[in-house]
Amino acid sequence: MNINFSKYTDNLVPAIVQDANTKAVLMMGFMNQEAIDATLSQGKVTFFSRSKSRLWTKGEESGNFLNFVNMSVDCDNDTILIQAVPLGPVCHNGTDTCWGTENKASNTAFLETLEAVIAQRKTAAADTSYVASLFAKGINKIAQKVGEEAVEVVIEAKDNNEKLFLDESADLLFHYLILLQAKGYTLNDVVKVLADRHAAKG
C-alpha cells in the first residue's frame, strides 16, 4: 500500500473508520506509518494523536476498541479507509459514531456480510457446513427449502407470537440468500430490479 505522507506538512494522513458490518462511518483520525504498523501488528485501530503528540489506540482508556479488519488507500494515495468492528460506542459523547444519530448504523448492511459467509461456506465439506450440505443437494432442494420457510412465515403471520414470526422471517431470508447464490445472483441484483421499477414509475 503506497501512502503519500508528504502531502501534508505534519506528515499525517486522514484515516476514516467504517464499521465492517454496517458500513456506517464511525470516526476520523490521523495516521503516520508508525500508527499503521501498530494497527496491523496489534489488530486494534491506532492513530497518531496531534494533541498528545503520540500514538493513541482508540479505546485504550474506555475499552471501546476498534478491532481492525482491513484498510485501503484512496486514488490520490493520501487518505486511508479502515474497516473495523467497534467494541462499544465510538464517540466520547457515548454515541455509536462521531456524527451522533445522523449517521446511525444500518443492520441491513449485515446482509452483505452474510452473503460473503454463504459464498465462503458453500465450498466447504458438506458434513461440516449446513450451507455446503444444501449446495451439495442441488438447486431443487434449495428451492424447496425456501418454499418451506415461506410457508412457515405465512403460518406465523396469522398468530401473534412476534418472536416466532421474526425467527421464521430470518430463516426465510437466509435460505433465499442461499438460493440467489445458487442461481448466480446476489441481493444487489434484486435491489437493482426494484430500484429500476421505482425509477420507471417516476
N, C-alpha and C. Protein backbone atom coordinates (compact mmCIF):
# COMPACT_ATOMS: atom_id res chain seq x y z
N MET A 1 0.85 -1.19 0.00
CA MET A 1 0.00 0.00 0.00
C MET A 1 0.89 1.25 0.00
N ASN A 2 0.77 2.03 -1.04
CA ASN A 2 1.61 3.22 -1.21
C ASN A 2 0.87 4.46 -0.70
N ILE A 3 1.34 5.02 0.40
CA ILE A 3 0.68 6.18 1.01
C ILE A 3 1.59 7.40 0.91
N ASN A 4 1.04 8.51 0.46
CA ASN A 4 1.81 9.74 0.31
C ASN A 4 1.69 10.58 1.58
N PHE A 5 2.64 10.39 2.50
CA PHE A 5 2.63 11.15 3.75
C PHE A 5 3.17 12.57 3.56
N SER A 6 3.80 12.84 2.45
CA SER A 6 4.46 14.14 2.25
C SER A 6 3.49 15.23 1.80
N LYS A 7 2.25 14.88 1.50
CA LYS A 7 1.30 15.87 1.00
C LYS A 7 0.94 16.89 2.07
N TYR A 8 0.95 16.47 3.34
CA TYR A 8 0.59 17.36 4.43
C TYR A 8 1.84 17.72 5.23
N THR A 9 1.88 18.92 5.78
CA THR A 9 3.08 19.42 6.45
C THR A 9 3.47 18.62 7.68
N ASP A 10 2.47 17.98 8.33
CA ASP A 10 2.78 17.22 9.54
C ASP A 10 3.05 15.75 9.24
N ASN A 11 3.05 15.39 7.94
CA ASN A 11 3.30 14.01 7.52
C ASN A 11 2.28 13.02 8.08
N LEU A 12 1.08 13.50 8.31
CA LEU A 12 -0.02 12.66 8.75
C LEU A 12 -1.08 12.62 7.65
N VAL A 13 -1.78 11.51 7.54
CA VAL A 13 -2.86 11.41 6.56
C VAL A 13 -4.17 11.12 7.28
N PRO A 14 -5.30 11.62 6.76
CA PRO A 14 -6.60 11.31 7.38
C PRO A 14 -6.90 9.83 7.26
N ALA A 15 -7.53 9.30 8.30
CA ALA A 15 -7.94 7.90 8.31
C ALA A 15 -9.41 7.83 8.72
N ILE A 16 -10.25 7.41 7.78
CA ILE A 16 -11.69 7.30 8.03
C ILE A 16 -12.00 5.87 8.43
N VAL A 17 -12.72 5.71 9.54
CA VAL A 17 -13.04 4.37 10.03
C VAL A 17 -14.50 4.06 9.74
N GLN A 18 -14.73 2.90 9.14
CA GLN A 18 -16.06 2.45 8.77
C GLN A 18 -16.35 1.11 9.44
N ASP A 19 -17.58 0.96 9.93
CA ASP A 19 -17.99 -0.31 10.53
C ASP A 19 -17.96 -1.40 9.45
N ALA A 20 -17.22 -2.46 9.69
CA ALA A 20 -17.06 -3.51 8.68
C ALA A 20 -18.36 -4.24 8.40
N ASN A 21 -19.30 -4.22 9.35
CA ASN A 21 -20.57 -4.92 9.16
C ASN A 21 -21.68 -4.02 8.66
N THR A 22 -21.88 -2.86 9.30
CA THR A 22 -23.00 -2.00 8.94
C THR A 22 -22.64 -0.97 7.87
N LYS A 23 -21.33 -0.77 7.63
CA LYS A 23 -20.82 0.22 6.67
C LYS A 23 -21.01 1.66 7.14
N ALA A 24 -21.44 1.86 8.37
CA ALA A 24 -21.58 3.22 8.90
C ALA A 24 -20.20 3.83 9.10
N VAL A 25 -20.07 5.13 8.80
CA VAL A 25 -18.81 5.84 9.05
C VAL A 25 -18.76 6.16 10.54
N LEU A 26 -17.72 5.71 11.21
CA LEU A 26 -17.65 5.82 12.66
C LEU A 26 -16.91 7.05 13.15
N MET A 27 -15.74 7.31 12.60
CA MET A 27 -14.93 8.44 13.07
C MET A 27 -13.82 8.73 12.07
N MET A 28 -13.09 9.80 12.33
CA MET A 28 -11.94 10.14 11.50
C MET A 28 -10.78 10.53 12.42
N GLY A 29 -9.60 10.02 12.11
CA GLY A 29 -8.41 10.38 12.86
C GLY A 29 -7.25 10.59 11.90
N PHE A 30 -6.03 10.63 12.43
CA PHE A 30 -4.86 10.82 11.59
C PHE A 30 -3.84 9.72 11.87
N MET A 31 -3.13 9.34 10.83
CA MET A 31 -2.15 8.27 10.94
C MET A 31 -0.83 8.64 10.29
N ASN A 32 0.25 8.12 10.89
CA ASN A 32 1.54 8.11 10.21
C ASN A 32 1.91 6.64 10.00
N GLN A 33 3.08 6.37 9.48
CA GLN A 33 3.45 4.98 9.22
C GLN A 33 3.51 4.16 10.51
N GLU A 34 3.95 4.81 11.58
CA GLU A 34 4.05 4.11 12.86
C GLU A 34 2.68 3.68 13.36
N ALA A 35 1.67 4.53 13.17
CA ALA A 35 0.31 4.21 13.59
C ALA A 35 -0.25 3.05 12.76
N ILE A 36 0.06 3.06 11.47
CA ILE A 36 -0.37 1.96 10.60
C ILE A 36 0.26 0.66 11.02
N ASP A 37 1.57 0.70 11.30
CA ASP A 37 2.28 -0.51 11.73
C ASP A 37 1.69 -1.06 13.03
N ALA A 38 1.36 -0.15 13.96
CA ALA A 38 0.80 -0.57 15.24
C ALA A 38 -0.58 -1.18 15.05
N THR A 39 -1.37 -0.60 14.14
CA THR A 39 -2.70 -1.13 13.85
C THR A 39 -2.61 -2.54 13.28
N LEU A 40 -1.71 -2.73 12.36
CA LEU A 40 -1.56 -4.04 11.72
C LEU A 40 -1.02 -5.10 12.68
N SER A 41 -0.11 -4.70 13.55
CA SER A 41 0.50 -5.68 14.46
C SER A 41 -0.39 -6.02 15.64
N GLN A 42 -1.14 -5.03 16.14
CA GLN A 42 -1.97 -5.24 17.33
C GLN A 42 -3.39 -5.67 17.00
N GLY A 43 -3.83 -5.36 15.77
CA GLY A 43 -5.21 -5.68 15.41
C GLY A 43 -6.23 -4.72 15.98
N LYS A 44 -5.77 -3.59 16.51
CA LYS A 44 -6.65 -2.55 17.04
C LYS A 44 -6.28 -1.22 16.39
N VAL A 45 -7.28 -0.49 15.93
CA VAL A 45 -7.02 0.74 15.19
C VAL A 45 -6.30 1.75 16.08
N THR A 46 -5.16 2.21 15.59
CA THR A 46 -4.31 3.13 16.34
C THR A 46 -4.02 4.37 15.49
N PHE A 47 -4.16 5.52 16.07
CA PHE A 47 -3.92 6.79 15.39
C PHE A 47 -2.69 7.48 15.98
N PHE A 48 -2.32 8.59 15.33
CA PHE A 48 -1.35 9.49 15.94
C PHE A 48 -2.14 10.69 16.45
N SER A 49 -2.11 10.88 17.76
CA SER A 49 -2.84 11.98 18.38
C SER A 49 -2.05 13.27 18.26
N ARG A 50 -2.62 14.26 17.58
CA ARG A 50 -1.93 15.54 17.44
C ARG A 50 -1.90 16.31 18.75
N SER A 51 -2.93 16.14 19.58
CA SER A 51 -2.97 16.87 20.86
C SER A 51 -2.02 16.26 21.88
N LYS A 52 -1.85 14.91 21.82
CA LYS A 52 -0.96 14.23 22.77
C LYS A 52 0.44 14.02 22.20
N SER A 53 0.59 14.23 20.90
CA SER A 53 1.87 14.04 20.21
C SER A 53 2.43 12.64 20.42
N ARG A 54 1.56 11.65 20.29
CA ARG A 54 1.97 10.26 20.44
C ARG A 54 0.95 9.34 19.78
N LEU A 55 1.32 8.06 19.69
CA LEU A 55 0.36 7.08 19.19
C LEU A 55 -0.78 6.92 20.19
N TRP A 56 -1.97 6.73 19.67
CA TRP A 56 -3.15 6.61 20.52
C TRP A 56 -4.05 5.52 19.96
N THR A 57 -4.23 4.45 20.72
CA THR A 57 -5.11 3.37 20.31
C THR A 57 -6.52 3.68 20.75
N LYS A 58 -7.44 3.71 19.80
CA LYS A 58 -8.83 4.01 20.14
C LYS A 58 -9.35 2.97 21.13
N GLY A 59 -9.83 3.46 22.28
CA GLY A 59 -10.36 2.58 23.31
C GLY A 59 -9.37 2.24 24.40
N GLU A 60 -8.18 2.83 24.37
CA GLU A 60 -7.16 2.48 25.36
C GLU A 60 -7.58 2.89 26.77
N GLU A 61 -8.50 3.86 26.88
CA GLU A 61 -9.00 4.26 28.19
C GLU A 61 -10.40 3.72 28.45
N SER A 62 -11.26 3.77 27.43
CA SER A 62 -12.66 3.36 27.60
C SER A 62 -12.88 1.86 27.44
N GLY A 63 -11.96 1.20 26.73
CA GLY A 63 -12.16 -0.21 26.42
C GLY A 63 -12.96 -0.43 25.16
N ASN A 64 -13.43 0.65 24.55
CA ASN A 64 -14.22 0.56 23.31
C ASN A 64 -13.28 0.55 22.10
N PHE A 65 -12.56 -0.54 21.97
CA PHE A 65 -11.58 -0.66 20.89
C PHE A 65 -12.27 -0.80 19.53
N LEU A 66 -11.49 -0.53 18.49
CA LEU A 66 -11.91 -0.78 17.13
C LEU A 66 -11.07 -1.94 16.61
N ASN A 67 -11.66 -3.12 16.51
CA ASN A 67 -10.92 -4.28 16.03
C ASN A 67 -10.72 -4.17 14.52
N PHE A 68 -9.48 -4.14 14.13
CA PHE A 68 -9.11 -3.92 12.73
C PHE A 68 -9.51 -5.10 11.84
N VAL A 69 -10.07 -4.78 10.65
CA VAL A 69 -10.41 -5.80 9.65
C VAL A 69 -9.53 -5.65 8.42
N ASN A 70 -9.56 -4.47 7.81
CA ASN A 70 -8.68 -4.22 6.66
C ASN A 70 -8.60 -2.72 6.41
N MET A 71 -7.69 -2.32 5.51
CA MET A 71 -7.59 -0.91 5.16
C MET A 71 -7.23 -0.78 3.68
N SER A 72 -7.59 0.37 3.12
CA SER A 72 -7.25 0.67 1.74
C SER A 72 -6.96 2.16 1.63
N VAL A 73 -6.30 2.55 0.55
CA VAL A 73 -5.95 3.95 0.34
C VAL A 73 -6.69 4.47 -0.88
N ASP A 74 -7.01 5.76 -0.89
CA ASP A 74 -7.80 6.31 -1.99
C ASP A 74 -6.93 6.53 -3.24
N CYS A 75 -7.57 7.04 -4.30
CA CYS A 75 -6.90 7.17 -5.60
C CYS A 75 -5.75 8.17 -5.59
N ASP A 76 -5.75 9.11 -4.63
CA ASP A 76 -4.66 10.08 -4.53
C ASP A 76 -3.57 9.64 -3.55
N ASN A 77 -3.75 8.47 -2.97
CA ASN A 77 -2.79 7.91 -2.01
C ASN A 77 -2.55 8.79 -0.79
N ASP A 78 -3.59 9.55 -0.38
CA ASP A 78 -3.39 10.43 0.76
C ASP A 78 -4.50 10.35 1.80
N THR A 79 -5.41 9.38 1.66
CA THR A 79 -6.47 9.18 2.64
C THR A 79 -6.71 7.69 2.81
N ILE A 80 -6.82 7.24 4.05
CA ILE A 80 -6.99 5.82 4.34
C ILE A 80 -8.43 5.53 4.74
N LEU A 81 -8.96 4.42 4.24
CA LEU A 81 -10.27 3.92 4.68
C LEU A 81 -10.02 2.63 5.45
N ILE A 82 -10.48 2.61 6.70
CA ILE A 82 -10.27 1.45 7.57
C ILE A 82 -11.62 0.79 7.85
N GLN A 83 -11.67 -0.52 7.67
CA GLN A 83 -12.82 -1.31 8.06
C GLN A 83 -12.51 -1.90 9.43
N ALA A 84 -13.43 -1.73 10.37
CA ALA A 84 -13.20 -2.22 11.73
C ALA A 84 -14.51 -2.63 12.38
N VAL A 85 -14.40 -3.37 13.46
CA VAL A 85 -15.57 -3.78 14.25
C VAL A 85 -15.49 -3.08 15.60
N PRO A 86 -16.42 -2.18 15.90
CA PRO A 86 -16.37 -1.44 17.17
C PRO A 86 -16.82 -2.30 18.35
N LEU A 87 -16.11 -2.15 19.47
CA LEU A 87 -16.48 -2.87 20.69
C LEU A 87 -17.15 -1.93 21.68
N GLY A 88 -18.16 -1.23 21.21
CA GLY A 88 -18.85 -0.27 22.04
C GLY A 88 -18.99 1.06 21.34
N PRO A 89 -19.59 2.06 22.00
CA PRO A 89 -19.73 3.39 21.40
C PRO A 89 -18.38 3.95 20.97
N VAL A 90 -18.36 4.60 19.82
CA VAL A 90 -17.11 5.12 19.28
C VAL A 90 -16.82 6.53 19.76
N CYS A 91 -17.84 7.36 19.82
CA CYS A 91 -17.65 8.76 20.19
C CYS A 91 -17.50 8.92 21.71
N HIS A 92 -16.71 9.92 22.13
CA HIS A 92 -16.54 10.19 23.55
C HIS A 92 -17.83 10.68 24.19
N ASN A 93 -18.81 11.08 23.36
CA ASN A 93 -20.11 11.51 23.86
C ASN A 93 -21.04 10.33 24.11
N GLY A 94 -20.58 9.13 23.80
CA GLY A 94 -21.37 7.93 24.07
C GLY A 94 -22.23 7.45 22.92
N THR A 95 -22.12 8.09 21.75
CA THR A 95 -22.90 7.66 20.59
C THR A 95 -22.10 6.66 19.76
N ASP A 96 -22.82 5.93 18.91
CA ASP A 96 -22.19 4.89 18.11
C ASP A 96 -21.16 5.45 17.14
N THR A 97 -21.40 6.67 16.66
CA THR A 97 -20.48 7.31 15.73
C THR A 97 -20.21 8.73 16.19
N CYS A 98 -19.19 9.36 15.60
CA CYS A 98 -18.88 10.74 15.95
C CYS A 98 -19.84 11.74 15.31
N TRP A 99 -20.81 11.23 14.55
CA TRP A 99 -21.84 12.07 13.96
C TRP A 99 -23.18 11.84 14.65
N GLY A 100 -23.15 11.25 15.82
CA GLY A 100 -24.35 11.04 16.61
C GLY A 100 -25.38 10.22 15.89
N THR A 101 -26.64 10.65 15.97
CA THR A 101 -27.75 9.90 15.37
C THR A 101 -27.89 10.19 13.88
N GLU A 102 -27.12 11.15 13.37
CA GLU A 102 -27.23 11.49 11.95
C GLU A 102 -26.61 10.42 11.05
N ASN A 103 -25.80 9.57 11.63
CA ASN A 103 -25.14 8.53 10.84
C ASN A 103 -25.36 7.18 11.50
N LYS A 104 -26.59 6.92 11.85
CA LYS A 104 -26.93 5.70 12.57
C LYS A 104 -26.66 4.47 11.71
N ALA A 105 -26.06 3.47 12.33
CA ALA A 105 -25.73 2.25 11.61
C ALA A 105 -26.98 1.52 11.15
N SER A 106 -26.88 0.90 9.99
CA SER A 106 -27.99 0.13 9.45
C SER A 106 -27.69 -1.35 9.55
N ASN A 107 -28.57 -2.07 10.25
CA ASN A 107 -28.36 -3.51 10.41
C ASN A 107 -28.51 -4.25 9.09
N THR A 108 -29.22 -3.65 8.13
CA THR A 108 -29.42 -4.34 6.86
C THR A 108 -28.11 -4.51 6.10
N ALA A 109 -27.12 -3.69 6.39
CA ALA A 109 -25.83 -3.82 5.72
C ALA A 109 -25.16 -5.14 6.09
N PHE A 110 -25.59 -5.75 7.20
CA PHE A 110 -25.04 -7.04 7.60
C PHE A 110 -25.34 -8.12 6.56
N LEU A 111 -26.36 -7.89 5.74
CA LEU A 111 -26.70 -8.88 4.73
C LEU A 111 -25.54 -9.13 3.77
N GLU A 112 -24.74 -8.09 3.50
CA GLU A 112 -23.58 -8.26 2.64
C GLU A 112 -22.56 -9.19 3.30
N THR A 113 -22.40 -9.03 4.61
CA THR A 113 -21.50 -9.91 5.35
C THR A 113 -22.01 -11.34 5.31
N LEU A 114 -23.32 -11.50 5.48
CA LEU A 114 -23.92 -12.83 5.45
C LEU A 114 -23.76 -13.48 4.09
N GLU A 115 -23.90 -12.70 3.03
CA GLU A 115 -23.69 -13.24 1.68
C GLU A 115 -22.25 -13.72 1.50
N ALA A 116 -21.33 -12.98 2.06
CA ALA A 116 -19.92 -13.37 1.96
C ALA A 116 -19.67 -14.67 2.72
N VAL A 117 -20.32 -14.83 3.87
CA VAL A 117 -20.19 -16.06 4.65
C VAL A 117 -20.76 -17.24 3.87
N ILE A 118 -21.90 -17.05 3.23
CA ILE A 118 -22.52 -18.11 2.43
C ILE A 118 -21.59 -18.50 1.29
N ALA A 119 -21.03 -17.51 0.60
CA ALA A 119 -20.12 -17.78 -0.51
C ALA A 119 -18.91 -18.57 -0.06
N GLN A 120 -18.44 -18.28 1.14
CA GLN A 120 -17.27 -18.97 1.67
C GLN A 120 -17.60 -20.41 2.06
N ARG A 121 -18.76 -20.60 2.66
CA ARG A 121 -19.10 -21.92 3.20
C ARG A 121 -19.65 -22.88 2.15
N LYS A 122 -20.09 -22.39 1.01
CA LYS A 122 -20.69 -23.30 0.03
C LYS A 122 -19.66 -24.27 -0.56
N THR A 123 -18.39 -23.96 -0.42
CA THR A 123 -17.34 -24.85 -0.93
C THR A 123 -16.72 -25.70 0.17
N ALA A 124 -17.27 -25.59 1.38
CA ALA A 124 -16.75 -26.39 2.49
C ALA A 124 -17.24 -27.83 2.37
N ALA A 125 -16.75 -28.68 3.23
CA ALA A 125 -17.20 -30.07 3.23
C ALA A 125 -18.65 -30.13 3.68
N ALA A 126 -19.45 -30.92 2.97
CA ALA A 126 -20.89 -30.97 3.23
C ALA A 126 -21.22 -31.44 4.64
N ASP A 127 -20.32 -32.24 5.24
CA ASP A 127 -20.59 -32.76 6.58
C ASP A 127 -20.15 -31.80 7.68
N THR A 128 -19.59 -30.68 7.30
CA THR A 128 -19.14 -29.70 8.31
C THR A 128 -19.90 -28.38 8.22
N SER A 129 -20.72 -28.20 7.19
CA SER A 129 -21.41 -26.94 6.99
C SER A 129 -22.82 -27.17 6.47
N TYR A 130 -23.80 -26.57 7.13
CA TYR A 130 -25.19 -26.68 6.68
C TYR A 130 -25.35 -26.06 5.30
N VAL A 131 -24.72 -24.91 5.09
CA VAL A 131 -24.79 -24.25 3.78
C VAL A 131 -24.23 -25.16 2.69
N ALA A 132 -23.07 -25.72 2.96
CA ALA A 132 -22.43 -26.60 1.98
C ALA A 132 -23.30 -27.82 1.70
N SER A 133 -23.96 -28.34 2.73
CA SER A 133 -24.81 -29.52 2.54
C SER A 133 -25.99 -29.21 1.63
N LEU A 134 -26.52 -27.99 1.73
CA LEU A 134 -27.62 -27.60 0.84
C LEU A 134 -27.15 -27.48 -0.60
N PHE A 135 -25.99 -26.85 -0.80
CA PHE A 135 -25.45 -26.73 -2.16
C PHE A 135 -25.16 -28.11 -2.75
N ALA A 136 -24.72 -29.03 -1.91
CA ALA A 136 -24.42 -30.37 -2.39
C ALA A 136 -25.67 -31.10 -2.86
N LYS A 137 -26.82 -30.76 -2.29
CA LYS A 137 -28.08 -31.42 -2.66
C LYS A 137 -28.70 -30.84 -3.92
N GLY A 138 -28.20 -29.67 -4.35
CA GLY A 138 -28.64 -29.11 -5.63
C GLY A 138 -29.73 -28.07 -5.52
N ILE A 139 -30.03 -27.46 -6.65
CA ILE A 139 -30.95 -26.32 -6.71
C ILE A 139 -32.37 -26.68 -6.29
N ASN A 140 -32.82 -27.90 -6.63
CA ASN A 140 -34.19 -28.29 -6.28
C ASN A 140 -34.40 -28.32 -4.77
N LYS A 141 -33.42 -28.86 -4.04
CA LYS A 141 -33.52 -28.91 -2.58
C LYS A 141 -33.47 -27.52 -1.98
N ILE A 142 -32.61 -26.66 -2.52
CA ILE A 142 -32.50 -25.29 -2.01
C ILE A 142 -33.81 -24.54 -2.24
N ALA A 143 -34.39 -24.68 -3.43
CA ALA A 143 -35.66 -24.01 -3.74
C ALA A 143 -36.78 -24.56 -2.86
N GLN A 144 -36.76 -25.86 -2.63
CA GLN A 144 -37.77 -26.48 -1.77
C GLN A 144 -37.70 -25.92 -0.36
N LYS A 145 -36.46 -25.73 0.12
CA LYS A 145 -36.28 -25.21 1.47
C LYS A 145 -36.82 -23.79 1.58
N VAL A 146 -36.62 -22.98 0.55
CA VAL A 146 -37.17 -21.61 0.56
C VAL A 146 -38.69 -21.67 0.64
N GLY A 147 -39.29 -22.59 -0.13
CA GLY A 147 -40.74 -22.74 -0.10
C GLY A 147 -41.25 -23.14 1.28
N GLU A 148 -40.53 -24.06 1.92
CA GLU A 148 -40.93 -24.50 3.26
C GLU A 148 -40.86 -23.35 4.26
N GLU A 149 -39.79 -22.56 4.17
CA GLU A 149 -39.64 -21.43 5.10
C GLU A 149 -40.70 -20.36 4.83
N ALA A 150 -41.07 -20.18 3.57
CA ALA A 150 -42.10 -19.19 3.22
C ALA A 150 -43.44 -19.59 3.83
N VAL A 151 -43.75 -20.89 3.79
CA VAL A 151 -44.99 -21.38 4.40
C VAL A 151 -44.98 -21.13 5.90
N GLU A 152 -43.83 -21.36 6.54
CA GLU A 152 -43.71 -21.12 7.98
C GLU A 152 -43.95 -19.65 8.32
N VAL A 153 -43.47 -18.75 7.48
CA VAL A 153 -43.68 -17.32 7.71
C VAL A 153 -45.16 -16.99 7.63
N VAL A 154 -45.84 -17.55 6.63
CA VAL A 154 -47.27 -17.31 6.47
C VAL A 154 -48.04 -17.80 7.69
N ILE A 155 -47.68 -18.99 8.17
CA ILE A 155 -48.36 -19.56 9.34
C ILE A 155 -48.18 -18.67 10.56
N GLU A 156 -46.93 -18.24 10.80
CA GLU A 156 -46.66 -17.41 11.98
C GLU A 156 -47.25 -16.02 11.86
N ALA A 157 -47.42 -15.54 10.62
CA ALA A 157 -48.01 -14.21 10.42
C ALA A 157 -49.46 -14.17 10.88
N LYS A 158 -50.12 -15.32 10.91
CA LYS A 158 -51.52 -15.37 11.32
C LYS A 158 -51.68 -15.42 12.82
N ASP A 159 -50.59 -15.65 13.54
CA ASP A 159 -50.63 -15.67 15.00
C ASP A 159 -50.04 -14.37 15.55
N ASN A 160 -49.95 -14.29 16.86
CA ASN A 160 -49.46 -13.06 17.50
C ASN A 160 -48.14 -13.26 18.23
N ASN A 161 -47.42 -14.32 17.88
CA ASN A 161 -46.12 -14.56 18.51
C ASN A 161 -45.04 -13.85 17.70
N GLU A 162 -44.65 -12.67 18.17
CA GLU A 162 -43.70 -11.84 17.42
C GLU A 162 -42.35 -12.53 17.24
N LYS A 163 -41.88 -13.22 18.28
CA LYS A 163 -40.57 -13.87 18.19
C LYS A 163 -40.56 -14.96 17.13
N LEU A 164 -41.59 -15.81 17.12
CA LEU A 164 -41.64 -16.88 16.14
C LEU A 164 -41.74 -16.33 14.72
N PHE A 165 -42.51 -15.25 14.56
CA PHE A 165 -42.65 -14.65 13.23
C PHE A 165 -41.30 -14.12 12.74
N LEU A 166 -40.57 -13.43 13.62
CA LEU A 166 -39.27 -12.88 13.23
C LEU A 166 -38.25 -14.00 13.00
N ASP A 167 -38.30 -15.04 13.82
CA ASP A 167 -37.39 -16.17 13.63
C ASP A 167 -37.60 -16.83 12.28
N GLU A 168 -38.85 -17.07 11.94
CA GLU A 168 -39.15 -17.71 10.65
C GLU A 168 -38.82 -16.78 9.49
N SER A 169 -39.00 -15.47 9.69
CA SER A 169 -38.65 -14.50 8.65
C SER A 169 -37.15 -14.51 8.39
N ALA A 170 -36.38 -14.62 9.48
CA ALA A 170 -34.92 -14.69 9.35
C ALA A 170 -34.51 -15.96 8.60
N ASP A 171 -35.17 -17.07 8.92
CA ASP A 171 -34.88 -18.33 8.24
C ASP A 171 -35.17 -18.23 6.75
N LEU A 172 -36.29 -17.59 6.42
CA LEU A 172 -36.66 -17.42 5.01
C LEU A 172 -35.63 -16.58 4.27
N LEU A 173 -35.24 -15.46 4.87
CA LEU A 173 -34.28 -14.57 4.22
C LEU A 173 -32.93 -15.27 4.04
N PHE A 174 -32.51 -16.00 5.05
CA PHE A 174 -31.25 -16.73 4.98
C PHE A 174 -31.25 -17.73 3.83
N HIS A 175 -32.31 -18.51 3.72
CA HIS A 175 -32.37 -19.52 2.66
C HIS A 175 -32.57 -18.88 1.29
N TYR A 176 -33.22 -17.72 1.25
CA TYR A 176 -33.36 -17.01 -0.02
C TYR A 176 -32.01 -16.52 -0.52
N LEU A 177 -31.15 -16.06 0.39
CA LEU A 177 -29.81 -15.64 0.01
C LEU A 177 -29.01 -16.82 -0.55
N ILE A 178 -29.23 -18.00 0.03
CA ILE A 178 -28.58 -19.20 -0.49
C ILE A 178 -29.08 -19.51 -1.89
N LEU A 179 -30.40 -19.39 -2.10
CA LEU A 179 -30.98 -19.65 -3.42
C LEU A 179 -30.44 -18.67 -4.46
N LEU A 180 -30.33 -17.41 -4.09
CA LEU A 180 -29.79 -16.43 -5.02
C LEU A 180 -28.38 -16.82 -5.47
N GLN A 181 -27.54 -17.20 -4.53
CA GLN A 181 -26.17 -17.58 -4.89
C GLN A 181 -26.14 -18.85 -5.73
N ALA A 182 -27.06 -19.76 -5.44
CA ALA A 182 -27.14 -20.99 -6.23
C ALA A 182 -27.49 -20.69 -7.68
N LYS A 183 -28.22 -19.59 -7.89
CA LYS A 183 -28.60 -19.17 -9.24
C LYS A 183 -27.61 -18.20 -9.85
N GLY A 184 -26.56 -17.85 -9.09
CA GLY A 184 -25.53 -16.96 -9.60
C GLY A 184 -25.80 -15.49 -9.40
N TYR A 185 -26.67 -15.16 -8.43
CA TYR A 185 -27.02 -13.76 -8.18
C TYR A 185 -26.76 -13.39 -6.73
N THR A 186 -26.88 -12.08 -6.45
CA THR A 186 -26.79 -11.58 -5.08
C THR A 186 -28.01 -10.71 -4.80
N LEU A 187 -28.15 -10.30 -3.56
CA LEU A 187 -29.28 -9.45 -3.18
C LEU A 187 -29.25 -8.13 -3.93
N ASN A 188 -28.05 -7.64 -4.26
CA ASN A 188 -27.93 -6.39 -5.01
C ASN A 188 -28.61 -6.47 -6.37
N ASP A 189 -28.60 -7.65 -6.98
CA ASP A 189 -29.26 -7.82 -8.27
C ASP A 189 -30.77 -7.63 -8.13
N VAL A 190 -31.32 -8.12 -7.03
CA VAL A 190 -32.75 -7.97 -6.78
C VAL A 190 -33.09 -6.52 -6.45
N VAL A 191 -32.23 -5.89 -5.65
CA VAL A 191 -32.44 -4.48 -5.29
C VAL A 191 -32.42 -3.61 -6.54
N LYS A 192 -31.53 -3.93 -7.48
CA LYS A 192 -31.45 -3.15 -8.71
C LYS A 192 -32.75 -3.23 -9.50
N VAL A 193 -33.37 -4.41 -9.54
CA VAL A 193 -34.65 -4.58 -10.23
C VAL A 193 -35.70 -3.69 -9.58
N LEU A 194 -35.74 -3.68 -8.24
CA LEU A 194 -36.70 -2.85 -7.52
C LEU A 194 -36.45 -1.37 -7.76
N ALA A 195 -35.18 -0.97 -7.76
CA ALA A 195 -34.83 0.43 -7.99
C ALA A 195 -35.20 0.86 -9.40
N ASP A 196 -34.96 -0.01 -10.37
CA ASP A 196 -35.32 0.31 -11.76
C ASP A 196 -36.83 0.45 -11.91
N ARG A 197 -37.58 -0.40 -11.23
CA ARG A 197 -39.04 -0.31 -11.29
C ARG A 197 -39.51 1.01 -10.69
N HIS A 198 -38.90 1.38 -9.56
CA HIS A 198 -39.27 2.62 -8.90
C HIS A 198 -38.97 3.82 -9.78
N ALA A 199 -37.79 3.80 -10.43
CA ALA A 199 -37.39 4.90 -11.30
C ALA A 199 -38.31 5.01 -12.50
N ALA A 200 -38.74 3.87 -13.02
CA ALA A 200 -39.61 3.86 -14.21
C ALA A 200 -40.97 4.45 -13.90
N LYS A 201 -41.41 4.28 -12.66
CA LYS A 201 -42.74 4.81 -12.27
C LYS A 201 -42.66 6.30 -11.93
N GLY A 202 -41.41 6.81 -11.80
CA GLY A 202 -41.23 8.24 -11.52
C GLY A 202 -41.63 8.58 -10.11
